[in-house]
C-alpha atoms as a PDB file:
ATOM      1  CA  MET A   1       4.007  70.458 142.479  1.00  0.00           C
ATOM      2  CA  PRO A   2       3.269  69.303 138.631  1.00  0.00           C
ATOM      3  CA  GLU A   3       5.446  67.392 136.706  1.00  0.00           C
ATOM      4  CA  ALA A   4       7.885  69.680 134.941  1.00  0.00           C
ATOM      5  CA  SER A   5       9.565  69.054 131.885  1.00  0.00           C
ATOM      6  CA  VAL A   6      12.909  69.303 133.223  1.00  0.00           C
ATOM      7  CA  ALA A   7      14.479  69.290 136.666  1.00  0.00           C
ATOM      8  CA  ILE A   8      17.506  71.501 136.782  1.00  0.00           C
ATOM      9  CA  ILE A   9      19.528  70.465 140.155  1.00  0.00           C
ATOM     10  CA  THR A  10      21.812  73.519 141.011  1.00  0.00           C
ATOM     11  CA  ARG A  11      24.736  72.331 144.057  1.00  0.00           C
ATOM     12  CA  THR A  12      25.859  75.137 145.780  1.00  0.00           C
ATOM     13  CA  LYS A  13      27.616  76.191 149.349  1.00  0.00           C
ATOM     14  CA  ASP A  14      28.000  80.217 150.320  1.00  0.00           C
ATOM     15  CA  ARG A  15      29.204  81.324 146.779  1.00  0.00           C
ATOM     16  CA  PRO A  16      26.316  83.775 146.093  1.00  0.00           C
ATOM     17  CA  LEU A  17      28.480  85.770 143.437  1.00  0.00           C
ATOM     18  CA  LEU A  18      28.801  82.314 141.457  1.00  0.00           C
ATOM     19  CA  LEU A  19      24.992  81.186 142.275  1.00  0.00           C
ATOM     20  CA  ARG A  20      23.514  84.881 141.006  1.00  0.00           C
ATOM     21  CA  ARG A  21      25.124  84.171 137.906  1.00  0.00           C
ATOM     22  CA  ALA A  22      23.689  80.455 137.307  1.00  0.00           C
ATOM     23  CA  VAL A  23      20.468  81.579 138.480  1.00  0.00           C
ATOM     24  CA  GLU A  24      20.218  84.165 135.621  1.00  0.00           C
ATOM     25  CA  SER A  25      21.470  81.008 133.683  1.00  0.00           C
ATOM     26  CA  VAL A  26      18.363  79.745 134.372  1.00  0.00           C
ATOM     27  CA  LEU A  27      16.138  82.164 134.146  1.00  0.00           C
ATOM     28  CA  GLY A  28      16.805  83.306 130.849  1.00  0.00           C
ATOM     29  CA  GLN A  29      16.046  79.817 129.137  1.00  0.00           C
ATOM     30  CA  ALA A  30      13.918  80.014 126.132  1.00  0.00           C
ATOM     31  CA  HIS A  31      12.450  76.715 127.068  1.00  0.00           C
ATOM     32  CA  THR A  32      10.483  77.496 130.626  1.00  0.00           C
ATOM     33  CA  ASP A  33       8.731  74.220 131.323  1.00  0.00           C
ATOM     34  CA  TRP A  34      11.132  73.458 134.362  1.00  0.00           C
ATOM     35  CA  VAL A  35      11.718  73.086 137.923  1.00  0.00           C
ATOM     36  CA  HIS A  36      14.725  74.745 139.460  1.00  0.00           C
ATOM     37  CA  VAL A  37      16.142  73.167 142.696  1.00  0.00           C
ATOM     38  CA  ILE A  38      18.335  74.425 144.441  1.00  0.00           C
ATOM     39  CA  VAL A  39      20.427  72.612 147.294  1.00  0.00           C
ATOM     40  CA  ASN A  40      22.104  74.858 149.843  1.00  0.00           C
ATOM     41  CA  ASP A  41      24.947  71.995 150.930  1.00  0.00           C
ATOM     42  CA  GLY A  42      25.710  73.265 154.185  1.00  0.00           C
ATOM     43  CA  GLY A  43      26.109  76.859 153.601  1.00  0.00           C
ATOM     44  CA  ASP A  44      24.521  80.049 155.198  1.00  0.00           C
ATOM     45  CA  PRO A  45      20.570  79.602 153.942  1.00  0.00           C
ATOM     46  CA  ALA A  46      20.276  84.024 154.183  1.00  0.00           C
ATOM     47  CA  ALA A  47      22.993  84.144 151.093  1.00  0.00           C
ATOM     48  CA  VAL A  48      20.899  82.216 149.074  1.00  0.00           C
ATOM     49  CA  GLU A  49      17.865  83.821 149.679  1.00  0.00           C
ATOM     50  CA  GLN A  50      19.492  87.464 149.129  1.00  0.00           C
ATOM     51  CA  VAL A  51      20.097  85.893 145.682  1.00  0.00           C
ATOM     52  CA  VAL A  52      16.818  83.945 145.121  1.00  0.00           C
ATOM     53  CA  ALA A  53      14.376  86.782 146.478  1.00  0.00           C
ATOM     54  CA  PRO A  54      14.301  89.494 144.111  1.00  0.00           C
ATOM     55  CA  GLN A  55      13.521  86.843 141.419  1.00  0.00           C
ATOM     56  CA  ALA A  56      10.371  85.564 143.227  1.00  0.00           C
ATOM     57  CA  THR A  57       8.086  86.665 139.954  1.00  0.00           C
ATOM     58  CA  ARG A  58      10.503  85.429 137.391  1.00  0.00           C
ATOM     59  CA  TYR A  59      10.375  82.211 139.069  1.00  0.00           C
ATOM     60  CA  ALA A  60       6.688  81.834 138.980  1.00  0.00           C
ATOM     61  CA  GLY A  61       6.434  78.999 141.433  1.00  0.00           C
ATOM     62  CA  ARG A  62       8.752  76.990 139.537  1.00  0.00           C
ATOM     63  CA  LEU A  63      11.944  77.270 142.447  1.00  0.00           C
ATOM     64  CA  VAL A  64      12.477  74.519 145.021  1.00  0.00           C
ATOM     65  CA  ARG A  65      14.687  74.890 148.028  1.00  0.00           C
ATOM     66  CA  VAL A  66      17.059  72.368 150.035  1.00  0.00           C
ATOM     67  CA  ASP A  67      18.728  73.497 152.401  1.00  0.00           C
ATOM     68  CA  ASN A  68      21.040  71.152 154.003  1.00  0.00           C
ATOM     69  CA  PRO A  69      22.098  71.691 157.797  1.00  0.00           C
ATOM     70  CA  HIS A  70      25.398  70.121 157.308  1.00  0.00           C
ATOM     71  CA  SER A  71      27.022  69.386 154.382  1.00  0.00           C
ATOM     72  CA  LEU A  72      26.575  65.927 152.638  1.00  0.00           C
ATOM     73  CA  GLY A  73      28.911  66.461 149.652  1.00  0.00           C
ATOM     74  CA  MET A  74      28.220  66.923 145.853  1.00  0.00           C
ATOM     75  CA  GLU A  75      26.832  63.351 145.107  1.00  0.00           C
ATOM     76  CA  ALA A  76      24.670  63.438 148.059  1.00  0.00           C
ATOM     77  CA  ALA A  77      23.398  67.227 147.221  1.00  0.00           C
ATOM     78  CA  SER A  78      22.426  65.468 143.821  1.00  0.00           C
ATOM     79  CA  ASN A  79      20.441  62.906 145.226  1.00  0.00           C
ATOM     80  CA  LYS A  80      18.428  65.011 147.661  1.00  0.00           C
ATOM     81  CA  GLY A  81      17.633  67.696 144.767  1.00  0.00           C
ATOM     82  CA  ILE A  82      16.294  64.680 142.496  1.00  0.00           C
ATOM     83  CA  ALA A  83      14.218  63.173 144.758  1.00  0.00           C
ATOM     84  CA  ALA A  84      12.849  67.249 145.817  1.00  0.00           C
ATOM     85  CA  SER A  85      11.832  67.211 141.784  1.00  0.00           C
ATOM     86  CA  ASP A  86       9.666  65.403 139.508  1.00  0.00           C
ATOM     87  CA  SER A  87      10.337  65.555 135.845  1.00  0.00           C
ATOM     88  CA  ARG A  88      11.107  63.531 132.437  1.00  0.00           C
ATOM     89  CA  TYR A  89      14.278  64.959 132.474  1.00  0.00           C
ATOM     90  CA  LEU A  90      17.210  65.838 134.415  1.00  0.00           C
ATOM     91  CA  VAL A  91      20.531  67.935 134.451  1.00  0.00           C
ATOM     92  CA  ILE A  92      22.871  69.012 137.083  1.00  0.00           C
ATOM     93  CA  HIS A  93      23.929  73.080 136.963  1.00  0.00           C
ATOM     94  CA  ASP A  94      26.508  73.575 139.278  1.00  0.00           C
ATOM     95  CA  ASP A  95      26.615  77.195 140.753  1.00  0.00           C
ATOM     96  CA  ASP A  96      29.769  77.873 138.967  1.00  0.00           C
ATOM     97  CA  ASP A  97      28.300  77.244 135.280  1.00  0.00           C
ATOM     98  CA  SER A  98      26.033  78.730 132.749  1.00  0.00           C
ATOM     99  CA  TRP A  99      24.716  78.106 130.167  1.00  0.00           C
ATOM    100  CA  ASP A 100      23.258  79.480 126.457  1.00  0.00           C
ATOM    101  CA  PRO A 101      19.865  80.673 126.146  1.00  0.00           C
ATOM    102  CA  ALA A 102      18.993  78.192 123.681  1.00  0.00           C
ATOM    103  CA  PHE A 103      20.582  74.920 126.004  1.00  0.00           C
ATOM    104  CA  LEU A 104      16.930  73.612 127.189  1.00  0.00           C
ATOM    105  CA  GLU A 105      15.010  74.128 124.053  1.00  0.00           C
ATOM    106  CA  LYS A 106      17.356  72.819 121.869  1.00  0.00           C
ATOM    107  CA  MET A 107      18.884  69.670 124.380  1.00  0.00           C
ATOM    108  CA  THR A 108      14.986  68.759 124.929  1.00  0.00           C
ATOM    109  CA  ALA A 109      13.889  68.797 121.208  1.00  0.00           C
ATOM    110  CA  LEU A 110      16.869  66.253 120.226  1.00  0.00           C
ATOM    111  CA  LEU A 111      15.853  64.435 122.973  1.00  0.00           C
ATOM    112  CA  GLU A 112      12.479  63.963 122.272  1.00  0.00           C
ATOM    113  CA  ALA A 113      13.624  63.182 118.483  1.00  0.00           C
ATOM    114  CA  SER A 114      15.983  60.264 119.868  1.00  0.00           C
ATOM    115  CA  LYS A 115      14.834  56.938 120.209  1.00  0.00           C
ATOM    116  CA  PRO A 116      16.261  53.982 122.453  1.00  0.00           C
ATOM    117  CA  PRO A 117      18.504  53.056 123.603  1.00  0.00           C
ATOM    118  CA  VAL A 118      19.180  57.179 123.635  1.00  0.00           C
ATOM    119  CA  ALA A 119      18.312  58.455 126.937  1.00  0.00           C
ATOM    120  CA  GLY A 120      20.694  61.085 127.294  1.00  0.00           C
ATOM    121  CA  ALA A 121      22.241  63.944 124.709  1.00  0.00           C
ATOM    122  CA  ILE A 122      25.025  66.704 125.253  1.00  0.00           C
ATOM    123  CA  CYS A 123      25.909  69.216 123.592  1.00  0.00           C
ATOM    124  CA  HIS A 124      29.561  70.634 122.929  1.00  0.00           C
ATOM    125  CA  SER A 125      31.210  72.907 125.783  1.00  0.00           C
ATOM    126  CA  VAL A 126      33.505  76.222 126.249  1.00  0.00           C
ATOM    127  CA  LEU A 127      35.539  75.898 129.032  1.00  0.00           C
ATOM    128  CA  VAL A 128      35.837  79.579 130.669  1.00  0.00           C
ATOM    129  CA  ARG A 129      38.988  80.428 132.589  1.00  0.00           C
ATOM    130  CA  GLU A 130      38.309  83.407 135.071  1.00  0.00           C
ATOM    131  CA  ALA A 131      39.448  84.927 138.235  1.00  0.00           C
ATOM    132  CA  ILE A 132      37.494  86.482 141.331  1.00  0.00           C
ATOM    133  CA  GLU A 133      38.730  89.499 143.270  1.00  0.00           C
ATOM    134  CA  GLY A 134      36.462  90.683 145.771  1.00  0.00           C
ATOM    135  CA  GLU A 135      32.498  90.669 143.875  1.00  0.00           C
ATOM    136  CA  THR A 136      34.253  90.733 140.637  1.00  0.00           C
ATOM    137  CA  VAL A 137      34.374  88.043 138.364  1.00  0.00           C
ATOM    138  CA  THR A 138      36.897  88.672 135.332  1.00  0.00           C
ATOM    139  CA  GLU A 139      37.255  86.202 132.553  1.00  0.00           C
ATOM    140  CA  THR A 140      40.836  85.664 131.362  1.00  0.00           C
ATOM    141  CA  ALA A 141      40.515  83.277 128.624  1.00  0.00           C
ATOM    142  CA  ARG A 142      38.469  80.547 126.879  1.00  0.00           C
ATOM    143  CA  GLU A 143      38.775  77.582 124.905  1.00  0.00           C
ATOM    144  CA  ASP A 144      36.790  75.284 122.681  1.00  0.00           C
ATOM    145  CA  PHE A 145      36.692  72.019 125.236  1.00  0.00           C
ATOM    146  CA  ASN A 146      35.133  68.815 123.788  1.00  0.00           C
ATOM    147  CA  THR A 147      34.423  70.322 120.096  1.00  0.00           C
ATOM    148  CA  ASP A 148      35.597  67.501 117.984  1.00  0.00           C
ATOM    149  CA  LEU A 149      33.207  64.991 119.747  1.00  0.00           C
ATOM    150  CA  LEU A 150      30.780  63.574 117.615  1.00  0.00           C
ATOM    151  CA  ALA A 151      29.905  61.025 119.600  1.00  0.00           C
ATOM    152  CA  VAL A 152      29.832  59.656 123.089  1.00  0.00           C
ATOM    153  CA  SER A 153      32.342  56.201 123.011  1.00  0.00           C
ATOM    154  CA  LEU A 154      31.781  53.624 126.135  1.00  0.00           C
ATOM    155  CA  ALA A 155      35.354  53.014 125.688  1.00  0.00           C
ATOM    156  CA  GLN A 156      36.588  56.452 125.756  1.00  0.00           C
ATOM    157  CA  MET A 157      34.746  57.408 128.910  1.00  0.00           C
ATOM    158  CA  ALA A 158      36.369  54.556 130.527  1.00  0.00           C
ATOM    159  CA  VAL A 159      39.312  56.047 130.028  1.00  0.00           C
ATOM    160  CA  ARG A 160      38.313  59.651 131.117  1.00  0.00           C
ATOM    161  CA  ASN A 161      35.225  62.048 131.587  1.00  0.00           C
ATOM    162  CA  LEU A 162      34.564  63.184 128.163  1.00  0.00           C
ATOM    163  CA  PHE A 163      31.945  66.158 129.061  1.00  0.00           C
ATOM    164  CA  PRO A 164      31.343  68.250 132.217  1.00  0.00           C
ATOM    165  CA  PRO A 165      27.804  67.760 133.799  1.00  0.00           C
ATOM    166  CA  ILE A 166      26.647  71.411 132.477  1.00  0.00           C
ATOM    167  CA  SER A 167      26.021  70.091 129.116  1.00  0.00           C
ATOM    168  CA  PHE A 168      24.059  66.537 129.775  1.00  0.00           C
ATOM    169  CA  LEU A 169      20.420  66.505 129.773  1.00  0.00           C
ATOM    170  CA  PHE A 170      19.160  62.839 130.211  1.00  0.00           C
ATOM    171  CA  GLN A 171      16.072  61.041 131.229  1.00  0.00           C
ATOM    172  CA  ARG A 172      14.945  60.132 134.452  1.00  0.00           C
ATOM    173  CA  ALA A 173      14.157  56.895 134.107  1.00  0.00           C
ATOM    174  CA  ALA A 174      17.829  56.209 132.858  1.00  0.00           C
ATOM    175  CA  LEU A 175      19.095  57.257 136.076  1.00  0.00           C
ATOM    176  CA  ASP A 176      16.727  55.001 137.660  1.00  0.00           C
ATOM    177  CA  ALA A 177      17.981  52.343 136.079  1.00  0.00           C
ATOM    178  CA  ALA A 178      21.748  53.435 136.096  1.00  0.00           C
ATOM    179  CA  GLY A 179      21.517  54.669 139.884  1.00  0.00           C
ATOM    180  CA  PRO A 180      21.870  57.252 142.059  1.00  0.00           C
ATOM    181  CA  PHE A 181      25.034  59.091 142.060  1.00  0.00           C
ATOM    182  CA  ARG A 182      27.553  57.826 144.572  1.00  0.00           C
ATOM    183  CA  GLU A 183      27.272  59.616 147.629  1.00  0.00           C
ATOM    184  CA  GLU A 184      30.529  58.212 149.373  1.00  0.00           C
ATOM    185  CA  LEU A 185      32.535  59.835 146.214  1.00  0.00           C
ATOM    186  CA  PRO A 186      33.885  63.190 147.072  1.00  0.00           C
ATOM    187  CA  VAL A 187      35.339  63.352 143.652  1.00  0.00           C
ATOM    188  CA  LEU A 188      34.910  61.885 139.968  1.00  0.00           C
ATOM    189  CA  GLY A 189      31.197  61.352 141.084  1.00  0.00           C
ATOM    190  CA  ASP A 190      29.484  62.487 137.461  1.00  0.00           C
ATOM    191  CA  TRP A 191      32.021  60.258 136.111  1.00  0.00           C
ATOM    192  CA  ASP A 192      31.503  57.294 138.026  1.00  0.00           C
ATOM    193  CA  PHE A 193      27.726  57.949 136.868  1.00  0.00           C
ATOM    194  CA  ASN A 194      28.647  58.541 133.380  1.00  0.00           C
ATOM    195  CA  LEU A 195      30.116  55.122 132.689  1.00  0.00           C
ATOM    196  CA  ARG A 196      27.091  53.119 134.729  1.00  0.00           C
ATOM    197  CA  PHE A 197      24.819  55.372 132.366  1.00  0.00           C
ATOM    198  CA  LEU A 198      26.704  54.176 129.023  1.00  0.00           C
ATOM    199  CA  ARG A 199      26.937  50.673 130.600  1.00  0.00           C
ATOM    200  CA  ARG A 200      22.788  50.553 129.509  1.00  0.00           C
ATOM    201  CA  HIS A 201      22.441  53.575 127.124  1.00  0.00           C
ATOM    202  CA  GLU A 202      23.398  56.318 124.403  1.00  0.00           C
ATOM    203  CA  ILE A 203      24.014  59.424 124.514  1.00  0.00           C
ATOM    204  CA  ALA A 204      23.168  61.392 121.201  1.00  0.00           C
ATOM    205  CA  VAL A 205      25.592  64.817 120.318  1.00  0.00           C
ATOM    206  CA  LEU A 206      24.374  68.602 119.601  1.00  0.00           C
ATOM    207  CA  PRO A 207      27.520  69.866 117.716  1.00  0.00           C
ATOM    208  CA  GLU A 208      26.776  73.159 119.359  1.00  0.00           C
ATOM    209  CA  LYS A 209      28.559  75.844 122.020  1.00  0.00           C
ATOM    210  CA  LEU A 210      25.433  75.608 124.082  1.00  0.00           C
ATOM    211  CA  ALA A 211      27.109  75.001 127.667  1.00  0.00           C
ATOM    212  CA  PHE A 212      29.853  77.040 129.551  1.00  0.00           C
ATOM    213  CA  TRP A 213      32.112  75.078 132.082  1.00  0.00           C
ATOM    214  CA  HIS A 214      33.806  77.910 134.683  1.00  0.00           C
ATOM    215  CA  HIS A 215      37.129  77.351 136.133  1.00  0.00           C
ATOM    216  CA  ARG A 216      38.869  79.669 138.714  1.00  0.00           C
ATOM    217  CA  ILE A 217      42.034  79.555 140.839  1.00  0.00           C
ATOM    218  CA  ALA A 218      41.140  79.864 144.398  1.00  0.00           C
ATOM    219  CA  ALA A 219      40.971  83.702 144.452  1.00  0.00           C
ATOM    220  CA  GLY A 220      38.545  85.650 146.308  1.00  0.00           C
ATOM    221  CA  GLY A 221      38.533  82.497 148.777  1.00  0.00           C
ATOM    222  CA  ALA A 222      38.741  78.938 148.212  1.00  0.00           C
ATOM    223  CA  ASP A 223      35.129  78.874 148.362  1.00  0.00           C
ATOM    224  CA  TYR A 224      35.018  80.217 144.792  1.00  0.00           C
ATOM    225  CA  ALA A 225      37.831  77.547 143.677  1.00  0.00           C
ATOM    226  CA  ASN A 226      36.437  74.835 141.554  1.00  0.00           C
ATOM    227  CA  SER A 227      36.127  71.221 143.243  1.00  0.00           C
ATOM    228  CA  SER A 228      38.695  69.407 141.301  1.00  0.00           C
ATOM    229  CA  MET A 229      41.450  72.015 141.907  1.00  0.00           C
ATOM    230  CA  GLU A 230      40.379  72.099 145.471  1.00  0.00           C
ATOM    231  CA  GLU A 231      40.872  68.567 146.268  1.00  0.00           C
ATOM    232  CA  GLY A 232      43.852  68.234 144.305  1.00  0.00           C
ATOM    233  CA  ALA A 233      45.373  65.612 141.904  1.00  0.00           C
ATOM    234  CA  ALA A 234      46.058  63.458 144.377  1.00  0.00           C
ATOM    235  CA  ARG A 235      42.685  62.847 145.565  1.00  0.00           C
ATOM    236  CA  HIS A 236      41.659  62.564 141.919  1.00  0.00           C
ATOM    237  CA  ALA A 237      44.080  59.855 141.300  1.00  0.00           C
ATOM    238  CA  ARG A 238      43.397  57.590 144.172  1.00  0.00           C
ATOM    239  CA  TYR A 239      39.425  57.661 143.768  1.00  0.00           C
ATOM    240  CA  ASP A 240      40.606  57.310 139.831  1.00  0.00           C
ATOM    241  CA  THR A 241      42.294  54.263 140.780  1.00  0.00           C
ATOM    242  CA  LEU A 242      39.282  53.203 143.478  1.00  0.00           C
ATOM    243  CA  ILE A 243      36.386  52.916 141.055  1.00  0.00           C
ATOM    244  CA  ARG A 244      38.748  51.264 138.414  1.00  0.00           C
ATOM    245  CA  ASN A 245      39.660  48.498 141.459  1.00  0.00           C
ATOM    246  CA  GLU A 246      35.966  48.020 142.338  1.00  0.00           C
ATOM    247  CA  LEU A 247      34.235  47.824 138.462  1.00  0.00           C
ATOM    248  CA  LEU A 248      37.057  45.406 137.694  1.00  0.00           C
ATOM    249  CA  ARG A 249      36.764  43.525 141.389  1.00  0.00           C
ATOM    250  CA  ALA A 250      33.008  43.108 140.664  1.00  0.00           C
ATOM    251  CA  ASP A 251      33.344  41.281 136.907  1.00  0.00           C
ATOM    252  CA  MET A 252      36.012  38.923 138.614  1.00  0.00           C
ATOM    253  CA  GLU A 253      33.796  37.649 141.528  1.00  0.00           C
ATOM    254  CA  ALA A 254      31.082  37.813 138.456  1.00  0.00           C
ATOM    255  CA  GLY A 255      33.329  35.759 136.195  1.00  0.00           C
ATOM    256  CA  ARG A 256      32.430  38.053 132.922  1.00  0.00           C
ATOM    257  CA  VAL A 257      33.715  40.720 131.120  1.00  0.00           C
ATOM    258  CA  ASP A 258      32.289  44.070 131.478  1.00  0.00           C
ATOM    259  CA  ILE A 259      32.842  47.903 132.336  1.00  0.00           C
ATOM    260  CA  GLY A 260      35.610  46.862 135.141  1.00  0.00           C
ATOM    261  CA  PHE A 261      37.950  45.224 132.403  1.00  0.00           C
ATOM    262  CA  LEU A 262      37.265  47.792 129.915  1.00  0.00           C
ATOM    263  CA  SER A 263      38.009  50.446 132.479  1.00  0.00           C
ATOM    264  CA  ASN A 264      41.268  49.135 133.408  1.00  0.00           C
ATOM    265  CA  PHE A 265      42.229  48.194 130.018  1.00  0.00           C
ATOM    266  CA  ALA A 266      41.534  51.801 128.911  1.00  0.00           C
ATOM    267  CA  SER A 267      43.390  53.170 132.008  1.00  0.00           C
ATOM    268  CA  ALA A 268      46.207  50.855 130.893  1.00  0.00           C
ATOM    269  CA  SER A 269      46.189  52.195 127.152  1.00  0.00           C
ATOM    270  CA  ARG A 270      46.259  56.042 127.950  1.00  0.00           C
ATOM    271  CA  ASP A 271      47.250  56.975 124.617  1.00  0.00           C
ATOM    272  CA  ILE A 272      43.983  56.280 123.028  1.00  0.00           C
ATOM    273  CA  VAL A 273      43.068  59.322 124.410  1.00  0.00           C
ATOM    274  CA  PRO A 274      41.738  61.877 122.549  1.00  0.00           C
ATOM    275  CA  GLY A 275      43.693  65.033 122.481  1.00  0.00           C
ATOM    276  CA  HIS A 276      41.782  67.405 123.432  1.00  0.00           C
ATOM    277  CA  LEU A 277      41.762  65.586 126.784  1.00  0.00           C
ATOM    278  CA  LEU A 278      45.451  65.286 126.749  1.00  0.00           C
ATOM    279  CA  GLU A 279      45.627  68.782 126.678  1.00  0.00           C
ATOM    280  CA  GLU A 280      43.608  69.266 129.801  1.00  0.00           C
ATOM    281  CA  ARG A 281      45.953  67.560 131.861  1.00  0.00           C
ATOM    282  CA  LEU A 282      49.157  70.042 130.435  1.00  0.00           C
ATOM    283  CA  PRO A 283      49.607  73.059 133.014  1.00  0.00           C
ATOM    284  CA  PRO A 284      49.068  76.159 131.678  1.00  0.00           C
ATOM    285  CA  PRO A 285      52.825  77.070 130.947  1.00  0.00           C
ATOM    286  CA  ALA A 286      52.844  73.654 128.550  1.00  0.00           C
ATOM    287  CA  ARG A 287      49.178  74.665 126.994  1.00  0.00           C
ATOM    288  CA  ALA A 288      50.914  78.092 125.933  1.00  0.00           C
ATOM    289  CA  THR A 289      53.624  77.378 124.270  1.00  0.00           C
ATOM    290  CA  LEU A 290      51.735  74.919 122.516  1.00  0.00           C
ATOM    291  CA  ASP A 291      49.224  77.610 121.301  1.00  0.00           C
ATOM    292  CA  GLY A 292      51.942  79.357 120.232  1.00  0.00           C
ATOM    293  CA  LEU A 293      53.683  76.752 118.353  1.00  0.00           C
ATOM    294  CA  ARG A 294      49.900  76.240 116.709  1.00  0.00           C
ATOM    295  CA  GLY A 295      50.450  80.081 115.826  1.00  0.00           C
ATOM    296  CA  ASP A 296      53.422  79.727 114.077  1.00  0.00           C
ATOM    297  CA  LEU A 297      52.241  76.337 112.377  1.00  0.00           C
ATOM    298  CA  ARG A 298      48.829  78.109 111.031  1.00  0.00           C
ATOM    299  CA  LEU A 299      51.276  81.402 110.032  1.00  0.00           C
ATOM    300  CA  THR A 300      53.390  78.688 108.051  1.00  0.00           C
ATOM    301  CA  GLY A 301      50.515  77.386 106.523  1.00  0.00           C
ATOM    302  CA  ASP A 302      49.031  80.754 105.162  1.00  0.00           C
ATOM    303  CA  ARG A 303      52.763  81.972 104.047  1.00  0.00           C
ATOM    304  CA  LEU A 304      52.862  78.374 102.245  1.00  0.00           C
ATOM    305  CA  ARG A 305      49.376  78.709 100.824  1.00  0.00           C
ATOM    306  CA  GLN A 306      50.316  82.298  99.816  1.00  0.00           C
ATOM    307  CA  ALA A 307      53.465  80.645  97.913  1.00  0.00           C
ATOM    308  CA  GLU A 308      51.618  78.331  96.347  1.00  0.00           C
ATOM    309  CA  ALA A 309      49.191  80.881  94.990  1.00  0.00           C
ATOM    310  CA  GLU A 310      52.160  82.973  93.664  1.00  0.00           C
ATOM    311  CA  ILE A 311      53.459  80.114  91.521  1.00  0.00           C
ATOM    312  CA  ALA A 312      50.634  79.508  90.336  1.00  0.00           C
ATOM    313  CA  GLN A 313      50.498  83.169  88.771  1.00  0.00           C
ATOM    314  CA  LEU A 314      53.786  82.577  87.588  1.00  0.00           C
ATOM    315  CA  ARG A 315      52.654  79.387  85.909  1.00  0.00           C
ATOM    316  CA  ALA A 316      49.833  81.068  84.249  1.00  0.00           C
ATOM    317  CA  ALA A 317      51.571  84.039  83.169  1.00  0.00           C
ATOM    318  CA  HIS A 318      54.328  81.683  81.697  1.00  0.00           C
ATOM    319  CA  ALA A 319      51.689  79.724  79.477  1.00  0.00           C
ATOM    320  CA  ASP A 320      50.318  82.989  78.397  1.00  0.00           C
ATOM    321  CA  GLN A 321      53.922  83.988  76.920  1.00  0.00           C
ATOM    322  CA  GLN A 322      54.507  80.655  75.577  1.00  0.00           C
ATOM    323  CA  GLY A 323      51.276  80.670  73.634  1.00  0.00           C
ATOM    324  CA  VAL A 324      52.487  84.538  72.287  1.00  0.00           C
ATOM    325  CA  ILE A 325      55.612  83.044  71.259  1.00  0.00           C
ATOM    326  CA  ALA A 326      53.665  80.240  69.580  1.00  0.00           C
ATOM    327  CA  GLY A 327      51.246  82.290  67.922  1.00  0.00           C
ATOM    328  CA  LEU A 328      54.113  84.611  66.903  1.00  0.00           C
ATOM    329  CA  ASN A 329      56.379  81.651  65.504  1.00  0.00           C
ATOM    330  CA  ARG A 330      53.317  80.651  62.975  1.00  0.00           C
ATOM    331  CA  GLN A 331      52.546  84.054  62.047  1.00  0.00           C
ATOM    332  CA  ILE A 332      56.334  84.086  60.854  1.00  0.00           C
ATOM    333  CA  ALA A 333      56.342  80.976  59.107  1.00  0.00           C
ATOM    334  CA  ALA A 334      53.604  82.049  57.202  1.00  0.00           C
ATOM    335  CA  MET A 335      54.775  85.091  56.200  1.00  0.00           C
ATOM    336  CA  TYR A 336      57.707  83.203  55.133  1.00  0.00           C
ATOM    337  CA  ARG A 337      55.857  81.071  52.704  1.00  0.00           C
ATOM    338  CA  SER A 338      54.088  83.196  51.195  1.00  0.00           C
ATOM    339  CA  THR A 339      56.656  85.748  50.165  1.00  0.00           C
ATOM    340  CA  SER A 340      59.598  82.956  49.725  1.00  0.00           C
ATOM    341  CA  TRP A 341      58.918  83.069  46.292  1.00  0.00           C
ATOM    342  CA  GLN A 342      59.902  86.341  45.265  1.00  0.00           C
ATOM    343  CA  VAL A 343      62.970  86.107  46.899  1.00  0.00           C
ATOM    344  CA  THR A 344      64.024  82.383  45.258  1.00  0.00           C
ATOM    345  CA  ALA A 345      62.106  83.160  41.803  1.00  0.00           C
ATOM    346  CA  PRO A 346      64.319  86.200  40.987  1.00  0.00           C
ATOM    347  CA  LEU A 347      67.689  84.109  41.815  1.00  0.00           C
ATOM    348  CA  ARG A 348      66.906  81.001  40.207  1.00  0.00           C
ATOM    349  CA  PHE A 349      66.179  83.286  36.802  1.00  0.00           C
ATOM    350  CA  ALA A 350      69.623  85.015  37.408  1.00  0.00           C
ATOM    351  CA  MET A 351      71.368  81.676  37.531  1.00  0.00           C
ATOM    352  CA  ARG A 352      69.523  80.419  34.557  1.00  0.00           C
ATOM    353  CA  LEU A 353      70.630  83.621  32.744  1.00  0.00           C
ATOM    354  CA  ALA A 354      74.034  83.606  33.660  1.00  0.00           C
ATOM    355  CA  LYS A 355      74.636  79.701  32.284  1.00  0.00           C
ATOM    356  CA  ARG A 356      73.458  81.033  28.881  1.00  0.00           C
ATOM    357  CA  LEU A 357      75.883  83.829  28.867  1.00  0.00           C
ATOM    358  CA  THR A 358      79.007  82.218  29.995  1.00  0.00           C
ATOM    359  CA  GLY A 359      78.074  79.032  27.539  1.00  0.00           C
ATOM    360  CA  ARG A 360      77.514  76.545  29.705  1.00  0.00           C
ATOM    361  CA  SER A 361      74.567  74.111  29.879  1.00  0.00           C
END
C-alpha cells in the first residue's frame, strides 16, 4: 500500500455498535488521503466484518485489518496498527470516539504549516456522556473538556493528561524518536507517551472543537464501558505512581534533573492543575452542584448588569432634569434683570416726591 498522509489507528474488541460510529467518523472526513487500520484485539472477527463489509466501496482500498487471535492490550494494539501502516502522520481513533468532518483537513493543514520543534497538534475536545441500552446509544449530556487550553505545557502534562487521543495528530517520525506505546501498561499508556513526546517536541493547539470524547457507564454490557471506568480509579492510581517512580529512578540513576523530577514535583503540587481537569475528578453529583452554582452566579451577574443599566438611565434622566432647572433659573434671572427697572423706577420717584411734600431734604 502506498504511503498515505494519515494512518488512523482504531483499537476495538467486540463493540460493533460503537465501531460502526467510528467507521462513519473516518469515512466522513473531508480530507481523504488516509488509511484506516482497524486492530481487532482478540474480538470476534465476524463482528468487525459485519461493520466494514458494507463500506467496501467507500473505503476504496483504504482499509487495513489486523486480527489478534488473543487480546494483547490497548497499547500493543496501537503498536501493531502503526506497524501495519505507512504514513507521514498518525492518530489514534478509538472505536468509541468520533470527529467533526473537518478534523483531518484542519489538523493536517496546521501541522503542514508548523515548523520544528512542533511535531504534533491537538484541537479542543467535547466530552460526550452517553448510555447504551440494547442497540441504542443515547447521549445524556455534553460539555467542553479542554477549551481553555491554548498551549500544551510539559509541566502541566506532568500533572495529568491534558487531552484525549482522539484529538492528537502527530508525525510518525516523532513517534520513532519518542519510542512506541508501552505495551505493559494496561492504563495511562497515552499519558506516558505524551510525556515522552513533549520531552522532545512541541504540540500546536487548534482552538476549535473538532474531537468528541465519548464516556459511558457500563450499560448494555461491560464491553461498552470506557476503559478508564472499567479499570477503576485504584488501578489508575497504582499505574500513575508506577510511571512516576520509574521516571524518577531513571533520573536519580543518571544523576540528572529530567522528566522524572518534573512529574513527581508536579504530583506533589496538584494545586497547579487547570480548573477543568480538577472538575473532571468530581463525582457527578458534585459536578451538578457546581453547575447549579455557576447558573446562580450567571443569573446574579445578569441582574447586577441590569441594575447598573437602570442606575445609569436614572443618572442620565437626573442630569437632564438638572439641566432643565438650570436653564429655567437662567431665564428667570434674565427676566428679572430686564424688568426690574420697571418696578424700582416708580418707587424711587414716589419716595423723592414724598420727601419734597413733607419738606424733608
